[in-house]
């Protein structure tokens, strides 16, 4: 920092290091704004700190303290003395339910990561995330109860919108007559596909209790005549074979390599020759988005008790090992959310 030509570089690196050491505090500013409904209150235009304090049930001086920190993180901005409105990042959070739900979900993750060295030493330790993601490690999945499936399905649904857009912008599913979403949850991805491609026939495969949720959701969206829903386990049950393209959206990343091999080998044994397979999930890689995703998901999966953030090369190797051919990578416009890998049965 004493060298004039290098001072700006040193300051930038110092600020980056401080973001790491103080990052939890920054995330708690965001989390507090979400829990207090600050972004929702500012969606319709500027409001005063006093108004926000009254509606949030906290003292005006403490609301002012929160807003000042949120402004420093580009979440809100003071348009004139005492009047606050959304800044760019705050507007994105306000407009996307999935982000808000993930921020609230992080309360569970942060408790599990309070002492991550204990998880590294004892990865079999019970955690909140292991209980929440009930299908982790293949625990009696076919006997899963509806309320358990509803909890994690709701979070997956709320965080699906941006991911679906990312995938659909990167690949034209209109070239197929039909697609099958394996592990498709309540059908949110298929619903997004249906909006883009009105002639596409839709199939969904998931655990029986989740498949029931999917039928209700797809019917509520007026898609019952375009969809077929199938229940089963993607390791032990035969996979339906009528689709031209089979999709695994955020599926392989949740599982360890041995279970991924079981999933892929069951798919290979079930599908017709020539069927396309698409894997879409956040993958490690050289881009900033891929690097950030890998750090986040690696420790998320540590707390969850299964899965890992793989590179596209890792996934291609697993595909080839399972018998699939012609693996190729398709980049999306947001590697923080997903990269696509295609292969052929």
Protein backbone atom coordinates (compact mmCIF):
# COMPACT_ATOMS: atom_id res chain seq x y z
CA UNK A 1 0.00 0.00 0.00
CA UNK A 2 3.01 2.30 0.34
CA UNK A 3 3.79 1.99 -3.37
CA UNK A 4 1.60 4.50 -5.30
CA UNK A 5 1.21 2.33 -8.41
CA UNK A 6 0.08 -0.69 -6.37
CA UNK A 7 -2.01 1.07 -3.73
CA UNK A 8 -5.34 0.56 -5.52
CA UNK A 9 -4.62 -3.16 -5.99
CA UNK A 10 -3.69 -3.54 -2.33
CA UNK A 11 -6.86 -1.72 -1.24
CA UNK A 12 -9.00 -3.90 -3.49
CA UNK A 13 -7.46 -7.07 -2.06
CA UNK A 14 -7.86 -5.77 1.49
CA UNK A 15 -11.54 -5.05 0.84
CA UNK A 16 -12.02 -8.53 -0.65
CA UNK A 17 -10.43 -10.11 2.43
CA UNK A 18 -12.65 -8.02 4.69
CA UNK A 19 -15.72 -9.24 2.79
CA UNK A 20 -14.69 -12.78 3.73
CA UNK A 21 -14.07 -12.02 7.39
CA UNK A 22 -17.24 -9.92 7.80
CA UNK A 23 -19.44 -11.71 5.28
CA UNK A 24 -21.80 -13.18 7.88
CA UNK A 25 -22.64 -9.68 9.12
CA UNK A 26 -23.45 -8.58 5.56
CA UNK A 27 -25.69 -11.60 5.03
CA UNK A 28 -27.52 -10.80 8.27
CA UNK A 29 -28.31 -7.29 7.04
CA UNK A 30 -29.93 -8.87 3.99
CA UNK A 31 -31.69 -11.51 6.11
CA UNK A 32 -33.06 -8.90 8.51
CA UNK A 33 -34.45 -6.83 5.64
CA UNK A 34 -36.21 -9.92 4.28
CA UNK A 35 -37.63 -10.99 7.64
CA UNK A 36 -38.90 -7.48 8.41
CA UNK A 37 -40.46 -7.14 4.96
CA UNK A 38 -38.43 -4.02 4.08
CA UNK A 39 -38.19 -4.86 0.38
CA UNK A 40 -41.92 -5.58 0.12
CA UNK A 41 -42.71 -2.27 1.81
CA UNK A 42 -40.53 -0.39 -0.69
CA UNK A 43 -41.84 -2.13 -3.82
CA UNK A 44 -44.50 0.53 -4.43
CA UNK A 45 -42.19 3.51 -3.99
CA UNK A 46 -40.16 5.48 -1.44
CA UNK A 47 -41.02 5.42 2.26
CA UNK A 48 -39.59 7.12 5.31
CA UNK A 49 -37.60 5.37 8.00
CA UNK A 50 -40.40 6.22 10.44
CA UNK A 51 -43.01 4.50 8.27
CA UNK A 52 -40.82 1.44 7.83
CA UNK A 53 -40.10 1.34 11.56
CA UNK A 54 -43.79 1.55 12.45
CA UNK A 55 -44.75 -1.26 10.07
CA UNK A 56 -41.81 -3.41 11.19
CA UNK A 57 -42.29 -2.93 14.91
CA UNK A 58 -38.86 -1.54 15.73
CA UNK A 59 -37.61 1.88 16.90
CA UNK A 60 -37.05 4.55 14.20
CA UNK A 61 -33.40 5.05 15.18
CA UNK A 62 -32.72 1.31 14.82
CA UNK A 63 -34.52 1.26 11.48
CA UNK A 64 -32.30 4.13 10.37
CA UNK A 65 -29.27 2.06 11.46
CA UNK A 66 -30.47 -0.93 9.41
CA UNK A 67 -31.25 1.17 6.33
CA UNK A 68 -27.84 2.82 6.38
CA UNK A 69 -26.11 -0.57 6.34
CA UNK A 70 -28.47 -1.86 3.63
CA UNK A 71 -27.57 1.20 1.55
CA UNK A 72 -23.87 0.40 1.91
CA UNK A 73 -24.63 -3.06 0.50
CA UNK A 74 -26.56 -1.59 -2.47
CA UNK A 75 -29.88 -2.96 -1.24
CA UNK A 76 -31.64 0.38 -0.69
CA UNK A 77 -30.83 4.01 -1.40
CA UNK A 78 -31.81 7.29 0.20
CA UNK A 79 -33.35 9.40 -2.58
CA UNK A 80 -33.68 12.42 -0.32
CA UNK A 81 -33.20 13.00 3.41
CA UNK A 82 -35.46 10.56 5.27
CA UNK A 83 -36.87 8.93 2.12
CA UNK A 84 -35.75 5.43 1.09
CA UNK A 85 -36.29 3.29 -1.99
CA UNK A 86 -34.98 0.02 -3.44
CA UNK A 87 -31.53 -0.05 -5.03
CA UNK A 88 -30.62 -2.57 -7.76
CA UNK A 89 -29.92 -5.59 -5.57
CA UNK A 90 -32.89 -4.84 -3.33
CA UNK A 91 -35.18 -4.64 -6.35
CA UNK A 92 -34.01 -8.08 -7.50
CA UNK A 93 -34.65 -9.58 -4.05
CA UNK A 94 -38.05 -7.87 -3.87
CA UNK A 95 -39.05 -9.25 -7.26
CA UNK A 96 -37.92 -12.86 -6.77
CA UNK A 97 -39.62 -15.02 -4.18
CA UNK A 98 -37.00 -17.74 -4.63
CA UNK A 99 -34.19 -15.48 -3.41
CA UNK A 100 -36.21 -14.43 -0.38
CA UNK A 101 -37.06 -18.04 0.47
CA UNK A 102 -33.42 -19.10 0.17
CA UNK A 103 -32.35 -16.22 2.43
CA UNK A 104 -34.82 -17.45 5.07
CA UNK A 105 -33.74 -21.07 4.48
CA UNK A 106 -30.16 -20.06 5.26
CA UNK A 107 -31.11 -19.73 8.93
CA UNK A 108 -31.17 -23.54 8.96
CA UNK A 109 -27.91 -23.81 7.00
CA UNK A 110 -26.08 -21.34 9.25
CA UNK A 111 -26.99 -23.34 12.36
CA UNK A 112 -25.58 -26.47 10.75
CA UNK A 113 -22.40 -24.60 9.78
CA UNK A 114 -21.86 -23.01 13.18
CA UNK A 115 -18.85 -25.31 13.67
CA UNK A 116 -18.10 -26.73 10.20
CA UNK A 117 -14.89 -28.35 11.43
CA UNK A 118 -17.09 -30.76 13.40
CA UNK A 119 -18.89 -31.73 10.20
CA UNK A 120 -15.57 -32.23 8.44
CA UNK A 121 -14.42 -34.50 11.27
CA UNK A 122 -17.77 -36.28 11.63
CA UNK A 123 -19.72 -36.05 8.35
CA UNK A 124 -22.32 -38.58 9.61
CA UNK A 125 -23.47 -36.17 12.30
CA UNK A 126 -27.19 -35.38 12.14
CA UNK A 127 -28.03 -31.91 10.83
CA UNK A 128 -31.13 -29.85 10.15
CA UNK A 129 -30.51 -30.03 6.40
CA UNK A 130 -30.36 -33.83 6.48
CA UNK A 131 -33.82 -33.85 8.05
CA UNK A 132 -35.16 -31.19 5.68
CA UNK A 133 -33.96 -32.86 2.46
CA UNK A 134 -35.52 -36.18 3.34
CA UNK A 135 -34.43 -37.93 0.13
CA UNK A 136 -30.73 -37.34 0.91
CA UNK A 137 -28.72 -40.59 0.89
CA UNK A 138 -31.78 -42.51 -0.34
CA UNK A 139 -33.48 -42.84 3.03
CA UNK A 140 -36.66 -44.91 2.60
CA UNK A 141 -37.75 -42.57 -0.14
CA UNK A 142 -40.74 -44.58 -1.31
CA UNK A 143 -42.29 -44.33 2.18
CA UNK A 144 -41.86 -40.56 2.45
CA UNK A 145 -44.81 -38.69 3.98
CA UNK A 146 -46.64 -35.91 2.13
CA UNK A 147 -45.90 -33.14 4.65
CA UNK A 148 -42.16 -33.91 4.42
CA UNK A 149 -42.25 -33.74 0.62
CA UNK A 150 -44.29 -30.54 0.67
CA UNK A 151 -41.70 -28.69 2.77
CA UNK A 152 -38.74 -29.22 0.44
CA UNK A 153 -40.89 -29.10 -2.72
CA UNK A 154 -42.11 -25.62 -1.76
CA UNK A 155 -38.53 -24.35 -1.45
CA UNK A 156 -37.53 -25.97 -4.74
CA UNK A 157 -40.57 -24.43 -6.46
CA UNK A 158 -39.88 -20.93 -5.18
CA UNK A 159 -36.24 -21.07 -6.34
CA UNK A 160 -37.04 -22.60 -9.73
CA UNK A 161 -38.04 -19.55 -11.78
CA UNK A 162 -34.61 -18.08 -12.53
CA UNK A 163 -33.09 -21.52 -13.03
CA UNK A 164 -35.79 -22.53 -15.52
CA UNK A 165 -35.29 -19.34 -17.52
CA UNK A 166 -31.53 -19.92 -17.51
CA UNK A 167 -31.94 -23.46 -18.89
CA UNK A 168 -34.62 -22.59 -21.44
CA UNK A 169 -32.59 -19.67 -22.78
CA UNK A 170 -29.59 -21.96 -23.33
CA UNK A 171 -31.35 -24.82 -25.16
CA UNK A 172 -34.33 -25.06 -27.53
CA UNK A 173 -36.61 -27.80 -26.19
CA UNK A 174 -39.01 -27.08 -29.04
CA UNK A 175 -36.95 -29.49 -31.17
CA UNK A 176 -38.41 -32.41 -29.19
CA UNK A 177 -41.88 -33.90 -29.28
CA UNK A 178 -41.79 -34.77 -25.59
CA UNK A 179 -39.55 -34.44 -22.55
CA UNK A 180 -39.36 -36.30 -19.24
CA UNK A 181 -38.29 -34.46 -16.07
CA UNK A 182 -36.80 -37.07 -13.72
CA UNK A 183 -36.96 -35.90 -10.12
CA UNK A 184 -39.19 -33.12 -11.43
CA UNK A 185 -40.69 -32.12 -8.09
CA UNK A 186 -44.06 -30.42 -8.34
CA UNK A 187 -43.68 -29.75 -12.07
CA UNK A 188 -42.40 -26.17 -11.94
CA UNK A 189 -39.75 -26.74 -14.62
CA UNK A 190 -42.25 -28.49 -16.90
CA UNK A 191 -44.68 -25.61 -16.39
CA UNK A 192 -42.00 -23.18 -17.58
CA UNK A 193 -41.26 -25.46 -20.57
CA UNK A 194 -44.96 -25.56 -21.44
CA UNK A 195 -45.14 -21.78 -21.56
CA UNK A 196 -42.22 -21.59 -23.97
CA UNK A 197 -43.21 -24.56 -26.15
CA UNK A 198 -46.98 -25.05 -26.47
CA UNK A 199 -46.65 -28.23 -28.59
CA UNK A 200 -44.32 -30.04 -26.23
CA UNK A 201 -45.73 -33.09 -24.43
CA UNK A 202 -44.60 -33.34 -20.82
CA UNK A 203 -43.74 -36.28 -18.58
CA UNK A 204 -42.65 -36.18 -14.93
CA UNK A 205 -41.11 -38.89 -12.76
CA UNK A 206 -40.60 -38.54 -9.01
CA UNK A 207 -41.29 -40.28 -5.73
CA UNK A 208 -44.97 -41.29 -5.43
CA UNK A 209 -45.80 -38.69 -2.79
CA UNK A 210 -44.08 -35.95 -4.85
CA UNK A 211 -45.78 -37.16 -8.02
CA UNK A 212 -49.13 -36.58 -6.32
CA UNK A 213 -48.12 -32.98 -5.62
CA UNK A 214 -47.04 -32.61 -9.26
CA UNK A 215 -50.42 -33.81 -10.57
CA UNK A 216 -52.21 -31.20 -8.46
CA UNK A 217 -49.86 -28.40 -9.51
CA UNK A 218 -49.88 -29.25 -13.22
CA UNK A 219 -53.67 -29.55 -13.19
CA UNK A 220 -53.94 -26.18 -11.43
CA UNK A 221 -51.86 -24.72 -14.28
CA UNK A 222 -54.19 -26.21 -16.90
CA UNK A 223 -51.63 -28.75 -18.13
CA UNK A 224 -53.38 -32.01 -17.24
CA UNK A 225 -54.02 -32.82 -20.93
CA UNK A 226 -50.36 -32.32 -21.87
CA UNK A 227 -48.70 -34.16 -19.00
CA UNK A 228 -48.17 -37.69 -17.74
CA UNK A 229 -46.95 -38.12 -14.17
CA UNK A 230 -45.23 -41.29 -12.95
CA UNK A 231 -44.25 -42.32 -9.43
CA UNK A 232 -41.19 -44.33 -8.45
CA UNK A 233 -37.56 -44.24 -7.31
CA UNK A 234 -35.02 -43.22 -9.94
CA UNK A 235 -32.54 -45.81 -8.68
CA UNK A 236 -34.74 -48.88 -8.29
CA UNK A 237 -37.77 -48.26 -10.56
CA UNK A 238 -37.98 -48.53 -14.32
CA UNK A 239 -37.94 -45.07 -15.93
CA UNK A 240 -40.67 -44.30 -18.54
CA UNK A 241 -39.28 -44.51 -22.07
CA UNK A 242 -41.61 -42.39 -24.21
CA UNK A 243 -39.72 -39.07 -24.11
CA UNK A 244 -37.25 -37.75 -26.69
CA UNK A 245 -35.24 -35.88 -24.04
CA UNK A 246 -34.83 -36.76 -20.37
CA UNK A 247 -33.96 -33.93 -17.95
CA UNK A 248 -32.13 -34.10 -14.62
CA UNK A 249 -32.46 -30.60 -13.16
CA UNK A 250 -30.49 -30.14 -9.92
CA UNK A 251 -30.55 -33.90 -9.28
CA UNK A 252 -27.04 -35.37 -9.53
CA UNK A 253 -25.47 -32.65 -7.37
CA UNK A 254 -27.54 -33.82 -4.37
CA UNK A 255 -25.99 -37.29 -4.38
CA UNK A 256 -22.61 -38.91 -3.83
CA UNK A 257 -20.80 -40.54 -6.75
CA UNK A 258 -21.94 -44.11 -6.03
CA UNK A 259 -25.60 -43.09 -5.98
CA UNK A 260 -25.11 -40.98 -9.12
CA UNK A 261 -23.73 -44.07 -10.85
CA UNK A 262 -26.84 -45.99 -9.74
CA UNK A 263 -29.11 -43.25 -11.11
CA UNK A 264 -27.33 -43.05 -14.46
CA UNK A 265 -27.07 -46.81 -14.87
CA UNK A 266 -30.80 -47.18 -14.17
CA UNK A 267 -31.52 -44.49 -16.75
CA UNK A 268 -29.27 -46.16 -19.29
CA UNK A 269 -30.99 -49.52 -18.72
CA UNK A 270 -34.47 -47.96 -19.00
CA UNK A 271 -34.22 -45.52 -21.91
CA UNK A 272 -34.53 -46.18 -25.63
CA UNK A 273 -31.40 -45.86 -27.79
CA UNK A 274 -31.16 -42.36 -29.21
CA UNK A 275 -32.82 -40.67 -26.21
CA UNK A 276 -31.13 -37.39 -25.26
CA UNK A 277 -30.19 -36.79 -21.63
CA UNK A 278 -29.75 -33.28 -20.18
CA UNK A 279 -28.13 -32.58 -16.82
CA UNK A 280 -28.58 -29.04 -15.51
CA UNK A 281 -27.10 -27.83 -12.25
CA UNK A 282 -24.48 -25.48 -10.85
CA UNK A 283 -21.06 -26.84 -11.79
CA UNK A 284 -17.56 -25.94 -10.73
CA UNK A 285 -15.41 -24.19 -13.31
CA UNK A 286 -13.07 -21.27 -13.98
CA UNK A 287 -15.66 -18.48 -14.23
CA UNK A 288 -16.38 -16.33 -11.17
CA UNK A 289 -19.98 -17.56 -10.99
CA UNK A 290 -18.93 -21.21 -11.17
CA UNK A 291 -16.25 -20.69 -8.52
CA UNK A 292 -18.70 -18.99 -6.14
CA UNK A 293 -21.29 -21.71 -6.73
CA UNK A 294 -18.72 -24.43 -6.02
CA UNK A 295 -17.71 -22.91 -2.66
CA UNK A 296 -21.32 -22.41 -1.60
CA UNK A 297 -22.66 -25.79 -2.66
CA UNK A 298 -19.64 -27.74 -1.41
CA UNK A 299 -20.33 -26.64 2.16
CA UNK A 300 -24.10 -26.82 1.67
CA UNK A 301 -23.77 -30.48 0.65
CA UNK A 302 -21.42 -31.07 3.60
CA UNK A 303 -24.24 -29.98 5.92
CA UNK A 304 -26.80 -31.90 3.86
CA UNK A 305 -24.79 -35.10 4.20
CA UNK A 306 -24.64 -36.03 0.52
CA UNK A 307 -23.76 -34.66 -2.89
CA UNK A 308 -21.01 -32.49 -4.32
CA UNK A 309 -20.55 -29.70 -6.83
CA UNK A 310 -18.98 -31.39 -9.85
CA UNK A 311 -17.31 -29.96 -12.92
CA UNK A 312 -18.75 -30.70 -16.35
CA UNK A 313 -15.73 -32.99 -16.89
CA UNK A 314 -16.67 -34.97 -13.76
CA UNK A 315 -20.23 -35.39 -15.03
CA UNK A 316 -19.09 -36.41 -18.52
CA UNK A 317 -16.84 -39.08 -17.00
CA UNK A 318 -19.75 -40.48 -14.98
CA UNK A 319 -21.95 -40.49 -18.08
CA UNK A 320 -19.39 -42.35 -20.16
CA UNK A 321 -18.81 -44.82 -17.33
CA UNK A 322 -22.57 -45.52 -17.28
CA UNK A 323 -22.73 -46.18 -21.02
CA UNK A 324 -23.97 -42.85 -22.37
CA UNK A 325 -22.25 -41.39 -25.41
CA UNK A 326 -21.50 -38.05 -27.08
CA UNK A 327 -21.33 -35.93 -23.89
CA UNK A 328 -21.08 -32.19 -24.54
CA UNK A 329 -21.24 -29.03 -22.46
CA UNK A 330 -23.61 -26.15 -23.14
CA UNK A 331 -22.87 -22.93 -21.27
CA UNK A 332 -25.72 -20.83 -19.94
CA UNK A 333 -25.86 -17.07 -19.49
CA UNK A 334 -25.49 -17.55 -15.73
CA UNK A 335 -23.02 -20.25 -14.59
CA UNK A 336 -23.81 -19.28 -11.01
CA UNK A 337 -27.17 -21.00 -11.56
CA UNK A 338 -26.42 -23.79 -14.03
CA UNK A 339 -24.29 -25.33 -16.73
CA UNK A 340 -25.80 -27.95 -19.04
CA UNK A 341 -24.30 -31.31 -20.04
CA UNK A 342 -25.98 -33.35 -22.78
CA UNK A 343 -25.43 -36.99 -23.66
CA UNK A 344 -27.14 -39.67 -25.74
CA UNK A 345 -28.40 -43.13 -24.80
